[in-house]
Full PDB file with SEQRES, HELIX, SHEET, SSBOND, CRYST1, ORIGX, SCALE, CONECT and MASTER records, all heavy atoms in Angstrom:
SEQRES   1 A   42  LEU PRO PHE ASN ILE GLY ASP LEU ALA ARG LEU SER GLU          
SEQRES   2 A   42  PHE GLY ARG GLU GLN GLY LEU PRO ILE ASN PHE VAL PRO          
SEQRES   3 A   42  MET ASN SER GLY GLY GLY LEU ASP LEU GLY SER ALA VAL          
SEQRES   4 A   42  ASP ASP ALA                                                  
HELIX    1 AA1 PRO A    2  ASP A    7  5                                   6    
HELIX    2 AA2 LEU A    8  GLN A   18  1                                  11    
HELIX    3 AA3 SER A   29  GLY A   31  5                                   3    
HELIX    4 AA4 LEU A   35  ASP A   41  1                                   7    
CRYST1    1.000    1.000    1.000  90.00  90.00  90.00 P 1           1          
ORIGX1      1.000000  0.000000  0.000000        0.00000                         
ORIGX2      0.000000  1.000000  0.000000        0.00000                         
ORIGX3      0.000000  0.000000  1.000000        0.00000                         
SCALE1      1.000000  0.000000  0.000000        0.00000                         
SCALE2      0.000000  1.000000  0.000000        0.00000                         
SCALE3      0.000000  0.000000  1.000000        0.00000                         
ATOM      1  N   LEU A   1     -18.110  48.578 -32.569  1.00  0.00           N  
ATOM      2  CA  LEU A   1     -18.120  48.156 -31.174  1.00  0.00           C  
ATOM      3  C   LEU A   1     -19.010  46.926 -31.007  1.00  0.00           C  
ATOM      4  O   LEU A   1     -19.872  46.662 -31.855  1.00  0.00           O  
ATOM      5  CB  LEU A   1     -18.669  49.294 -30.298  1.00  0.00           C  
ATOM      6  CG  LEU A   1     -17.935  50.631 -30.378  1.00  0.00           C  
ATOM      7  CD1 LEU A   1     -18.819  51.752 -29.857  1.00  0.00           C  
ATOM      8  CD2 LEU A   1     -16.629  50.565 -29.605  1.00  0.00           C  
ATOM      9  N   PRO A   2     -18.829  46.178 -29.919  1.00  0.00           N  
ATOM     10  CA  PRO A   2     -19.691  45.009 -29.711  1.00  0.00           C  
ATOM     11  C   PRO A   2     -21.175  45.341 -29.729  1.00  0.00           C  
ATOM     12  O   PRO A   2     -21.986  44.565 -30.221  1.00  0.00           O  
ATOM     13  CB  PRO A   2     -19.248  44.496 -28.333  1.00  0.00           C  
ATOM     14  CG  PRO A   2     -17.850  44.956 -28.185  1.00  0.00           C  
ATOM     15  CD  PRO A   2     -17.794  46.288 -28.877  1.00  0.00           C  
ATOM     16  N   PHE A   3     -21.549  46.517 -29.183  1.00  0.00           N  
ATOM     17  CA  PHE A   3     -22.973  46.818 -29.058  1.00  0.00           C  
ATOM     18  C   PHE A   3     -23.523  47.671 -30.188  1.00  0.00           C  
ATOM     19  O   PHE A   3     -24.642  48.150 -30.101  1.00  0.00           O  
ATOM     20  CB  PHE A   3     -23.267  47.498 -27.712  1.00  0.00           C  
ATOM     21  CG  PHE A   3     -22.138  48.297 -27.147  1.00  0.00           C  
ATOM     22  CD1 PHE A   3     -21.884  49.584 -27.574  1.00  0.00           C  
ATOM     23  CD2 PHE A   3     -21.315  47.727 -26.190  1.00  0.00           C  
ATOM     24  CE1 PHE A   3     -20.840  50.310 -27.043  1.00  0.00           C  
ATOM     25  CE2 PHE A   3     -20.271  48.455 -25.659  1.00  0.00           C  
ATOM     26  CZ  PHE A   3     -20.015  49.735 -26.079  1.00  0.00           C  
ATOM     27  N   ASN A   4     -22.761  47.875 -31.280  1.00  0.00           N  
ATOM     28  CA  ASN A   4     -23.376  48.556 -32.425  1.00  0.00           C  
ATOM     29  C   ASN A   4     -23.302  47.719 -33.700  1.00  0.00           C  
ATOM     30  O   ASN A   4     -23.668  48.192 -34.777  1.00  0.00           O  
ATOM     31  CB  ASN A   4     -22.765  49.940 -32.656  1.00  0.00           C  
ATOM     32  CG  ASN A   4     -21.328  49.911 -33.156  1.00  0.00           C  
ATOM     33  OD1 ASN A   4     -20.779  48.855 -33.443  1.00  0.00           O  
ATOM     34  ND2 ASN A   4     -20.719  51.084 -33.251  1.00  0.00           N  
ATOM     35  N   ILE A   5     -22.878  46.463 -33.602  1.00  0.00           N  
ATOM     36  CA  ILE A   5     -22.760  45.631 -34.799  1.00  0.00           C  
ATOM     37  C   ILE A   5     -24.105  45.497 -35.506  1.00  0.00           C  
ATOM     38  O   ILE A   5     -24.183  45.529 -36.737  1.00  0.00           O  
ATOM     39  CB  ILE A   5     -22.193  44.241 -34.439  1.00  0.00           C  
ATOM     40  CG1 ILE A   5     -20.737  44.387 -33.976  1.00  0.00           C  
ATOM     41  CG2 ILE A   5     -22.263  43.298 -35.632  1.00  0.00           C  
ATOM     42  CD1 ILE A   5     -20.113  43.096 -33.532  1.00  0.00           C  
ATOM     43  N   GLY A   6     -25.172  45.374 -34.743  1.00  0.00           N  
ATOM     44  CA  GLY A   6     -26.495  45.250 -35.340  1.00  0.00           C  
ATOM     45  C   GLY A   6     -26.950  46.497 -36.074  1.00  0.00           C  
ATOM     46  O   GLY A   6     -27.917  46.443 -36.841  1.00  0.00           O  
ATOM     47  N   ASP A   7     -26.274  47.622 -35.850  1.00  0.00           N  
ATOM     48  CA  ASP A   7     -26.646  48.886 -36.493  1.00  0.00           C  
ATOM     49  C   ASP A   7     -25.857  49.169 -37.771  1.00  0.00           C  
ATOM     50  O   ASP A   7     -26.180  50.099 -38.505  1.00  0.00           O  
ATOM     51  CB  ASP A   7     -26.386  50.061 -35.536  1.00  0.00           C  
ATOM     52  CG  ASP A   7     -27.404  50.149 -34.426  1.00  0.00           C  
ATOM     53  OD1 ASP A   7     -28.219  49.222 -34.293  1.00  0.00           O  
ATOM     54  OD2 ASP A   7     -27.374  51.138 -33.685  1.00  0.00           O  
ATOM     55  N   LEU A   8     -24.796  48.415 -38.033  1.00  0.00           N  
ATOM     56  CA  LEU A   8     -23.856  48.798 -39.078  1.00  0.00           C  
ATOM     57  C   LEU A   8     -24.490  48.821 -40.465  1.00  0.00           C  
ATOM     58  O   LEU A   8     -24.255  49.751 -41.244  1.00  0.00           O  
ATOM     59  CB  LEU A   8     -22.634  47.877 -39.057  1.00  0.00           C  
ATOM     60  CG  LEU A   8     -21.844  47.868 -37.742  1.00  0.00           C  
ATOM     61  CD1 LEU A   8     -20.622  46.966 -37.854  1.00  0.00           C  
ATOM     62  CD2 LEU A   8     -21.438  49.274 -37.320  1.00  0.00           C  
ATOM     63  N   ALA A   9     -25.300  47.806 -40.788  1.00  0.00           N  
ATOM     64  CA  ALA A   9     -25.946  47.783 -42.101  1.00  0.00           C  
ATOM     65  C   ALA A   9     -26.916  48.954 -42.241  1.00  0.00           C  
ATOM     66  O   ALA A   9     -26.985  49.590 -43.303  1.00  0.00           O  
ATOM     67  CB  ALA A   9     -26.669  46.460 -42.304  1.00  0.00           C  
ATOM     68  N   ARG A  10     -27.641  49.261 -41.165  1.00  0.00           N  
ATOM     69  CA  ARG A  10     -28.578  50.395 -41.215  1.00  0.00           C  
ATOM     70  C   ARG A  10     -27.825  51.718 -41.321  1.00  0.00           C  
ATOM     71  O   ARG A  10     -28.271  52.632 -42.021  1.00  0.00           O  
ATOM     72  CB  ARG A  10     -29.460  50.387 -39.954  1.00  0.00           C  
ATOM     73  CG  ARG A  10     -30.528  51.479 -39.963  1.00  0.00           C  
ATOM     74  CD  ARG A  10     -31.532  51.271 -41.082  1.00  0.00           C  
ATOM     75  NE  ARG A  10     -32.454  52.391 -41.240  1.00  0.00           N  
ATOM     76  CZ  ARG A  10     -32.247  53.427 -42.056  1.00  0.00           C  
ATOM     77  NH1 ARG A  10     -31.151  53.487 -42.794  1.00  0.00           N  
ATOM     78  NH2 ARG A  10     -33.136  54.386 -42.158  1.00  0.00           N  
ATOM     79  N   LEU A  11     -26.701  51.825 -40.658  1.00  0.00           N  
ATOM     80  CA  LEU A  11     -25.890  53.033 -40.784  1.00  0.00           C  
ATOM     81  C   LEU A  11     -25.367  53.199 -42.208  1.00  0.00           C  
ATOM     82  O   LEU A  11     -25.332  54.313 -42.747  1.00  0.00           O  
ATOM     83  CB  LEU A  11     -24.717  52.993 -39.802  1.00  0.00           C  
ATOM     84  CG  LEU A  11     -25.010  53.377 -38.360  1.00  0.00           C  
ATOM     85  CD1 LEU A  11     -23.787  53.134 -37.483  1.00  0.00           C  
ATOM     86  CD2 LEU A  11     -25.444  54.845 -38.258  1.00  0.00           C  
ATOM     87  N   SER A  12     -24.962  52.088 -42.810  1.00  0.00           N  
ATOM     88  CA  SER A  12     -24.500  52.135 -44.193  1.00  0.00           C  
ATOM     89  C   SER A  12     -25.614  52.631 -45.115  1.00  0.00           C  
ATOM     90  O   SER A  12     -25.393  53.463 -46.004  1.00  0.00           O  
ATOM     91  CB  SER A  12     -24.024  50.752 -44.631  1.00  0.00           C  
ATOM     92  OG  SER A  12     -23.593  50.761 -45.971  1.00  0.00           O  
ATOM     93  N   GLU A  13     -26.831  52.143 -44.873  1.00  0.00           N  
ATOM     94  CA  GLU A  13     -27.989  52.586 -45.658  1.00  0.00           C  
ATOM     95  C   GLU A  13     -28.265  54.070 -45.408  1.00  0.00           C  
ATOM     96  O   GLU A  13     -28.572  54.824 -46.335  1.00  0.00           O  
ATOM     97  CB  GLU A  13     -29.203  51.747 -45.280  1.00  0.00           C  
ATOM     98  CG  GLU A  13     -30.458  52.072 -46.071  1.00  0.00           C  
ATOM     99  CD  GLU A  13     -31.654  51.243 -45.625  1.00  0.00           C  
ATOM    100  OE1 GLU A  13     -31.451  50.241 -44.911  1.00  0.00           O  
ATOM    101  OE2 GLU A  13     -32.784  51.613 -45.979  1.00  0.00           O  
ATOM    102  N   PHE A  14     -28.149  54.492 -44.155  1.00  0.00           N  
ATOM    103  CA  PHE A  14     -28.340  55.896 -43.810  1.00  0.00           C  
ATOM    104  C   PHE A  14     -27.334  56.772 -44.554  1.00  0.00           C  
ATOM    105  O   PHE A  14     -27.690  57.834 -45.099  1.00  0.00           O  
ATOM    106  CB  PHE A  14     -28.181  56.076 -42.301  1.00  0.00           C  
ATOM    107  CG  PHE A  14     -28.240  57.497 -41.825  1.00  0.00           C  
ATOM    108  CD1 PHE A  14     -29.449  58.168 -41.710  1.00  0.00           C  
ATOM    109  CD2 PHE A  14     -27.072  58.189 -41.483  1.00  0.00           C  
ATOM    110  CE1 PHE A  14     -29.513  59.490 -41.264  1.00  0.00           C  
ATOM    111  CE2 PHE A  14     -27.117  59.502 -41.043  1.00  0.00           C  
ATOM    112  CZ  PHE A  14     -28.337  60.154 -40.929  1.00  0.00           C  
ATOM    113  N   GLY A  15     -26.080  56.347 -44.592  1.00  0.00           N  
ATOM    114  CA  GLY A  15     -25.066  57.099 -45.317  1.00  0.00           C  
ATOM    115  C   GLY A  15     -25.387  57.203 -46.796  1.00  0.00           C  
ATOM    116  O   GLY A  15     -25.210  58.261 -47.416  1.00  0.00           O  
ATOM    117  N   ARG A  16     -25.895  56.102 -47.374  1.00  0.00           N  
ATOM    118  CA  ARG A  16     -26.271  56.107 -48.788  1.00  0.00           C  
ATOM    119  C   ARG A  16     -27.415  57.096 -49.029  1.00  0.00           C  
ATOM    120  O   ARG A  16     -27.400  57.866 -49.999  1.00  0.00           O  
ATOM    121  CB  ARG A  16     -26.683  54.698 -49.206  1.00  0.00           C  
ATOM    122  CG  ARG A  16     -26.719  54.456 -50.699  1.00  0.00           C  
ATOM    123  CD  ARG A  16     -27.175  53.035 -51.026  1.00  0.00           C  
ATOM    124  NE  ARG A  16     -26.500  52.053 -50.193  1.00  0.00           N  
ATOM    125  CZ  ARG A  16     -27.126  51.207 -49.401  1.00  0.00           C  
ATOM    126  NH1 ARG A  16     -28.455  51.229 -49.301  1.00  0.00           N  
ATOM    127  NH2 ARG A  16     -26.453  50.329 -48.683  1.00  0.00           N  
ATOM    128  N   GLU A  17     -28.406  57.073 -48.149  1.00  0.00           N  
ATOM    129  CA  GLU A  17     -29.552  57.982 -48.281  1.00  0.00           C  
ATOM    130  C   GLU A  17     -29.126  59.445 -48.169  1.00  0.00           C  
ATOM    131  O   GLU A  17     -29.668  60.314 -48.849  1.00  0.00           O  
ATOM    132  CB  GLU A  17     -30.589  57.671 -47.200  1.00  0.00           C  
ATOM    133  CG  GLU A  17     -31.263  56.307 -47.340  1.00  0.00           C  
ATOM    134  CD  GLU A  17     -32.034  55.929 -46.092  1.00  0.00           C  
ATOM    135  OE1 GLU A  17     -31.906  56.630 -45.063  1.00  0.00           O  
ATOM    136  OE2 GLU A  17     -32.765  54.910 -46.129  1.00  0.00           O  
ATOM    137  N   GLN A  18     -28.158  59.706 -47.302  1.00  0.00           N  
ATOM    138  CA  GLN A  18     -27.719  61.074 -47.048  1.00  0.00           C  
ATOM    139  C   GLN A  18     -26.623  61.543 -48.007  1.00  0.00           C  
ATOM    140  O   GLN A  18     -26.239  62.706 -47.983  1.00  0.00           O  
ATOM    141  CB  GLN A  18     -27.183  61.184 -45.613  1.00  0.00           C  
ATOM    142  CG  GLN A  18     -28.216  60.954 -44.528  1.00  0.00           C  
ATOM    143  CD  GLN A  18     -29.210  62.090 -44.448  1.00  0.00           C  
ATOM    144  OE1 GLN A  18     -28.857  63.263 -44.617  1.00  0.00           O  
ATOM    145  NE2 GLN A  18     -30.461  61.767 -44.196  1.00  0.00           N  
ATOM    146  N   GLY A  19     -26.106  60.632 -48.824  1.00  0.00           N  
ATOM    147  CA  GLY A  19     -24.957  60.979 -49.660  1.00  0.00           C  
ATOM    148  C   GLY A  19     -23.735  61.262 -48.798  1.00  0.00           C  
ATOM    149  O   GLY A  19     -22.929  62.137 -49.110  1.00  0.00           O  
ATOM    150  N   LEU A  20     -23.615  60.503 -47.715  1.00  0.00           N  
ATOM    151  CA  LEU A  20     -22.589  60.743 -46.705  1.00  0.00           C  
ATOM    152  C   LEU A  20     -21.631  59.556 -46.646  1.00  0.00           C  
ATOM    153  O   LEU A  20     -22.013  58.473 -46.202  1.00  0.00           O  
ATOM    154  CB  LEU A  20     -23.255  60.937 -45.342  1.00  0.00           C  
ATOM    155  CG  LEU A  20     -22.359  61.228 -44.151  1.00  0.00           C  
ATOM    156  CD1 LEU A  20     -21.825  62.650 -44.217  1.00  0.00           C  
ATOM    157  CD2 LEU A  20     -23.123  61.013 -42.840  1.00  0.00           C  
ATOM    158  N   PRO A  21     -20.383  59.710 -47.085  1.00  0.00           N  
ATOM    159  CA  PRO A  21     -19.422  58.603 -46.946  1.00  0.00           C  
ATOM    160  C   PRO A  21     -19.199  58.295 -45.464  1.00  0.00           C  
ATOM    161  O   PRO A  21     -19.027  59.203 -44.652  1.00  0.00           O  
ATOM    162  CB  PRO A  21     -18.137  59.161 -47.583  1.00  0.00           C  
ATOM    163  CG  PRO A  21     -18.568  60.347 -48.389  1.00  0.00           C  
ATOM    164  CD  PRO A  21     -19.780  60.900 -47.713  1.00  0.00           C  
ATOM    165  N   ILE A  22     -19.225  57.008 -45.120  1.00  0.00           N  
ATOM    166  CA  ILE A  22     -18.980  56.597 -43.734  1.00  0.00           C  
ATOM    167  C   ILE A  22     -17.787  55.650 -43.704  1.00  0.00           C  
ATOM    168  O   ILE A  22     -17.784  54.622 -44.380  1.00  0.00           O  
ATOM    169  CB  ILE A  22     -20.205  55.905 -43.113  1.00  0.00           C  
ATOM    170  CG1 ILE A  22     -21.420  56.847 -43.124  1.00  0.00           C  
ATOM    171  CG2 ILE A  22     -19.899  55.459 -41.685  1.00  0.00           C  
ATOM    172  CD1 ILE A  22     -22.680  56.227 -42.528  1.00  0.00           C  
ATOM    173  N   ASN A  23     -16.786  56.014 -42.927  1.00  0.00           N  
ATOM    174  CA  ASN A  23     -15.655  55.126 -42.689  1.00  0.00           C  
ATOM    175  C   ASN A  23     -15.966  54.290 -41.453  1.00  0.00           C  
ATOM    176  O   ASN A  23     -16.236  54.841 -40.383  1.00  0.00           O  
ATOM    177  CB  ASN A  23     -14.374  55.932 -42.462  1.00  0.00           C  
ATOM    178  CG  ASN A  23     -13.810  56.493 -43.739  1.00  0.00           C  
ATOM    179  OD1 ASN A  23     -13.356  55.754 -44.603  1.00  0.00           O  
ATOM    180  ND2 ASN A  23     -13.845  57.811 -43.872  1.00  0.00           N  
ATOM    181  N   PHE A  24     -15.920  52.979 -41.606  1.00  0.00           N  
ATOM    182  CA  PHE A  24     -16.133  52.078 -40.481  1.00  0.00           C  
ATOM    183  C   PHE A  24     -14.762  51.615 -39.991  1.00  0.00           C  
ATOM    184  O   PHE A  24     -13.993  51.011 -40.737  1.00  0.00           O  
ATOM    185  CB  PHE A  24     -16.979  50.879 -40.901  1.00  0.00           C  
ATOM    186  CG  PHE A  24     -18.401  51.233 -41.220  1.00  0.00           C  
ATOM    187  CD1 PHE A  24     -18.767  51.611 -42.507  1.00  0.00           C  
ATOM    188  CD2 PHE A  24     -19.375  51.198 -40.231  1.00  0.00           C  
ATOM    189  CE1 PHE A  24     -20.081  51.946 -42.802  1.00  0.00           C  
ATOM    190  CE2 PHE A  24     -20.695  51.530 -40.516  1.00  0.00           C  
ATOM    191  CZ  PHE A  24     -21.053  51.904 -41.805  1.00  0.00           C  
ATOM    192  N   VAL A  25     -14.459  51.928 -38.742  1.00  0.00           N  
ATOM    193  CA  VAL A  25     -13.141  51.594 -38.197  1.00  0.00           C  
ATOM    194  C   VAL A  25     -13.320  50.841 -36.884  1.00  0.00           C  
ATOM    195  O   VAL A  25     -14.227  51.140 -36.108  1.00  0.00           O  
ATOM    196  CB  VAL A  25     -12.278  52.855 -37.978  1.00  0.00           C  
ATOM    197  CG1 VAL A  25     -12.047  53.585 -39.282  1.00  0.00           C  
ATOM    198  CG2 VAL A  25     -12.915  53.791 -36.960  1.00  0.00           C  
ATOM    199  N   PRO A  26     -12.482  49.861 -36.612  1.00  0.00           N  
ATOM    200  CA  PRO A  26     -12.571  49.166 -35.324  1.00  0.00           C  
ATOM    201  C   PRO A  26     -11.996  50.025 -34.227  1.00  0.00           C  
ATOM    202  O   PRO A  26     -11.189  50.928 -34.478  1.00  0.00           O  
ATOM    203  CB  PRO A  26     -11.713  47.919 -35.538  1.00  0.00           C  
ATOM    204  CG  PRO A  26     -10.707  48.344 -36.551  1.00  0.00           C  
ATOM    205  CD  PRO A  26     -11.403  49.335 -37.447  1.00  0.00           C  
ATOM    206  N   MET A  27     -12.422  49.792 -33.012  1.00  0.00           N  
ATOM    207  CA  MET A  27     -11.813  50.467 -31.884  1.00  0.00           C  
ATOM    208  C   MET A  27     -10.326  50.148 -31.915  1.00  0.00           C  
ATOM    209  O   MET A  27      -9.937  48.996 -32.102  1.00  0.00           O  
ATOM    210  CB  MET A  27     -12.435  49.951 -30.582  1.00  0.00           C  
ATOM    211  CG  MET A  27     -12.087  50.787 -29.376  1.00  0.00           C  
ATOM    212  SD  MET A  27     -12.926  50.136 -27.927  1.00  0.00           S  
ATOM    213  CE  MET A  27     -13.221  51.639 -27.034  1.00  0.00           C  
ATOM    214  N   ASN A  28      -9.471  51.179 -31.768  1.00  0.00           N  
ATOM    215  CA  ASN A  28      -8.040  50.935 -31.936  1.00  0.00           C  
ATOM    216  C   ASN A  28      -7.530  49.937 -30.912  1.00  0.00           C  
ATOM    217  O   ASN A  28      -8.068  49.785 -29.829  1.00  0.00           O  
ATOM    218  CB  ASN A  28      -7.254  52.254 -31.854  1.00  0.00           C  
ATOM    219  CG  ASN A  28      -7.254  52.859 -30.470  1.00  0.00           C  
ATOM    220  OD1 ASN A  28      -6.665  52.324 -29.539  1.00  0.00           O  
ATOM    221  ND2 ASN A  28      -7.930  53.993 -30.328  1.00  0.00           N  
ATOM    222  N   SER A  29      -6.436  49.251 -31.307  1.00  0.00           N  
ATOM    223  CA  SER A  29      -5.926  48.184 -30.464  1.00  0.00           C  
ATOM    224  C   SER A  29      -5.536  48.657 -29.090  1.00  0.00           C  
ATOM    225  O   SER A  29      -5.588  47.911 -28.127  1.00  0.00           O  
ATOM    226  CB  SER A  29      -4.734  47.493 -31.118  1.00  0.00           C  
ATOM    227  OG  SER A  29      -4.209  48.187 -32.191  1.00  0.00           O  
ATOM    228  N   GLY A  30      -5.120  49.935 -28.998  1.00  0.00           N  
ATOM    229  CA  GLY A  30      -4.802  50.466 -27.686  1.00  0.00           C  
ATOM    230  C   GLY A  30      -6.015  50.541 -26.791  1.00  0.00           C  
ATOM    231  O   GLY A  30      -5.911  50.585 -25.581  1.00  0.00           O  
ATOM    232  N   GLY A  31      -7.228  50.538 -27.397  1.00  0.00           N  
ATOM    233  CA  GLY A  31      -8.446  50.603 -26.608  1.00  0.00           C  
ATOM    234  C   GLY A  31      -8.965  49.256 -26.184  1.00  0.00           C  
ATOM    235  O   GLY A  31      -9.967  49.166 -25.512  1.00  0.00           O  
ATOM    236  N   GLY A  32      -8.295  48.182 -26.585  1.00  0.00           N  
ATOM    237  CA  GLY A  32      -8.668  46.873 -26.079  1.00  0.00           C  
ATOM    238  C   GLY A  32      -9.530  46.039 -27.001  1.00  0.00           C  
ATOM    239  O   GLY A  32      -9.980  44.973 -26.632  1.00  0.00           O  
ATOM    240  N   LEU A  33      -9.777  46.505 -28.230  1.00  0.00           N  
ATOM    241  CA  LEU A  33     -10.564  45.672 -29.150  1.00  0.00           C  
ATOM    242  C   LEU A  33      -9.618  44.688 -29.802  1.00  0.00           C  
ATOM    243  O   LEU A  33      -9.138  44.873 -30.904  1.00  0.00           O  
ATOM    244  CB  LEU A  33     -11.252  46.536 -30.208  1.00  0.00           C  
ATOM    245  CG  LEU A  33     -12.206  45.792 -31.145  1.00  0.00           C  
ATOM    246  CD1 LEU A  33     -13.326  45.152 -30.386  1.00  0.00           C  
ATOM    247  CD2 LEU A  33     -12.751  46.719 -32.196  1.00  0.00           C  
ATOM    248  N   ASP A  34      -9.297  43.632 -29.105  1.00  0.00           N  
ATOM    249  CA  ASP A  34      -8.352  42.624 -29.559  1.00  0.00           C  
ATOM    250  C   ASP A  34      -9.136  41.374 -29.929  1.00  0.00           C  
ATOM    251  O   ASP A  34      -9.378  40.508 -29.111  1.00  0.00           O  
ATOM    252  CB  ASP A  34      -7.343  42.338 -28.434  1.00  0.00           C  
ATOM    253  CG  ASP A  34      -6.294  41.319 -28.851  1.00  0.00           C  
ATOM    254  OD1 ASP A  34      -6.403  40.787 -29.965  1.00  0.00           O  
ATOM    255  OD2 ASP A  34      -5.389  41.069 -28.042  1.00  0.00           O  
ATOM    256  N   LEU A  35      -9.552  41.304 -31.182  1.00  0.00           N  
ATOM    257  CA  LEU A  35     -10.410  40.209 -31.585  1.00  0.00           C  
ATOM    258  C   LEU A  35      -9.677  38.882 -31.606  1.00  0.00           C  
ATOM    259  O   LEU A  35     -10.288  37.831 -31.546  1.00  0.00           O  
ATOM    260  CB  LEU A  35     -11.034  40.490 -32.962  1.00  0.00           C  
ATOM    261  CG  LEU A  35     -11.898  41.736 -33.048  1.00  0.00           C  
ATOM    262  CD1 LEU A  35     -12.691  41.715 -34.322  1.00  0.00           C  
ATOM    263  CD2 LEU A  35     -12.814  41.847 -31.861  1.00  0.00           C  
ATOM    264  N   GLY A  36      -8.352  38.924 -31.725  1.00  0.00           N  
ATOM    265  CA  GLY A  36      -7.603  37.682 -31.650  1.00  0.00           C  
ATOM    266  C   GLY A  36      -7.861  37.021 -30.312  1.00  0.00           C  
ATOM    267  O   GLY A  36      -8.162  35.834 -30.219  1.00  0.00           O  
ATOM    268  N   SER A  37      -7.790  37.774 -29.237  1.00  0.00           N  
ATOM    269  CA  SER A  37      -8.086  37.249 -27.906  1.00  0.00           C  
ATOM    270  C   SER A  37      -9.555  36.866 -27.804  1.00  0.00           C  
ATOM    271  O   SER A  37      -9.912  35.870 -27.187  1.00  0.00           O  
ATOM    272  CB  SER A  37      -7.748  38.293 -26.838  1.00  0.00           C  
ATOM    273  OG  SER A  37      -6.386  38.617 -26.888  1.00  0.00           O  
ATOM    274  N   ALA A  38     -10.407  37.675 -28.441  1.00  0.00           N  
ATOM    275  CA  ALA A  38     -11.842  37.411 -28.350  1.00  0.00           C  
ATOM    276  C   ALA A  38     -12.188  36.080 -28.998  1.00  0.00           C  
ATOM    277  O   ALA A  38     -13.034  35.333 -28.508  1.00  0.00           O  
ATOM    278  CB  ALA A  38     -12.625  38.542 -29.006  1.00  0.00           C  
ATOM    279  N   VAL A  39     -11.518  35.775 -30.107  1.00  0.00           N  
ATOM    280  CA  VAL A  39     -11.808  34.520 -30.782  1.00  0.00           C  
ATOM    281  C   VAL A  39     -11.388  33.345 -29.912  1.00  0.00           C  
ATOM    282  O   VAL A  39     -12.072  32.344 -29.817  1.00  0.00           O  
ATOM    283  CB  VAL A  39     -11.071  34.466 -32.143  1.00  0.00           C  
ATOM    284  CG1 VAL A  39     -11.196  33.080 -32.751  1.00  0.00           C  
ATOM    285  CG2 VAL A  39     -11.649  35.498 -33.083  1.00  0.00           C  
ATOM    286  N   ASP A  40     -10.256  33.460 -29.234  1.00  0.00           N  
ATOM    287  CA  ASP A  40      -9.767  32.363 -28.406  1.00  0.00           C  
ATOM    288  C   ASP A  40     -10.562  32.220 -27.118  1.00  0.00           C  
ATOM    289  O   ASP A  40     -10.906  31.127 -26.710  1.00  0.00           O  
ATOM    290  CB  ASP A  40      -8.287  32.588 -28.054  1.00  0.00           C  
ATOM    291  CG  ASP A  40      -7.408  32.530 -29.294  1.00  0.00           C  
ATOM    292  OD1 ASP A  40      -7.825  31.874 -30.259  1.00  0.00           O  
ATOM    293  OD2 ASP A  40      -6.337  33.148 -29.289  1.00  0.00           O  
ATOM    294  N   ASP A  41     -10.846  33.352 -26.483  1.00  0.00           N  
ATOM    295  CA  ASP A  41     -11.426  33.319 -25.148  1.00  0.00           C  
ATOM    296  C   ASP A  41     -12.928  33.566 -25.121  1.00  0.00           C  
ATOM    297  O   ASP A  41     -13.571  33.381 -24.093  1.00  0.00           O  
ATOM    298  CB  ASP A  41     -10.754  34.373 -24.258  1.00  0.00           C  
ATOM    299  CG  ASP A  41      -9.245  34.204 -24.226  1.00  0.00           C  
ATOM    300  OD1 ASP A  41      -8.793  33.058 -24.373  1.00  0.00           O  
ATOM    301  OD2 ASP A  41      -8.541  35.203 -24.061  1.00  0.00           O  
ATOM    302  N   ALA A  42     -13.470  33.981 -26.260  1.00  0.00           N  
ATOM    303  CA  ALA A  42     -14.892  34.373 -26.314  1.00  0.00           C  
ATOM    304  C   ALA A  42     -15.218  35.337 -25.189  1.00  0.00           C  
ATOM    305  O   ALA A  42     -16.252  35.258 -24.550  1.00  0.00           O  
ATOM    306  CB  ALA A  42     -15.800  33.142 -26.255  1.00  0.00           C  
TER     307      ALA A  42                                                      
MASTER        0    0    0    4    0    0    0    6  306    1    0    4          
END                                                                             
């Protein structure tokens, strides 16, 4: 999400520490995370 990007590396480290696989997935397109539009319109 826009407001958790700064946490992603720390979450990855947390998963490594915990032995916990973490799947990172974007908000589905039906939910409005359309980065193509974001790149054009900021």
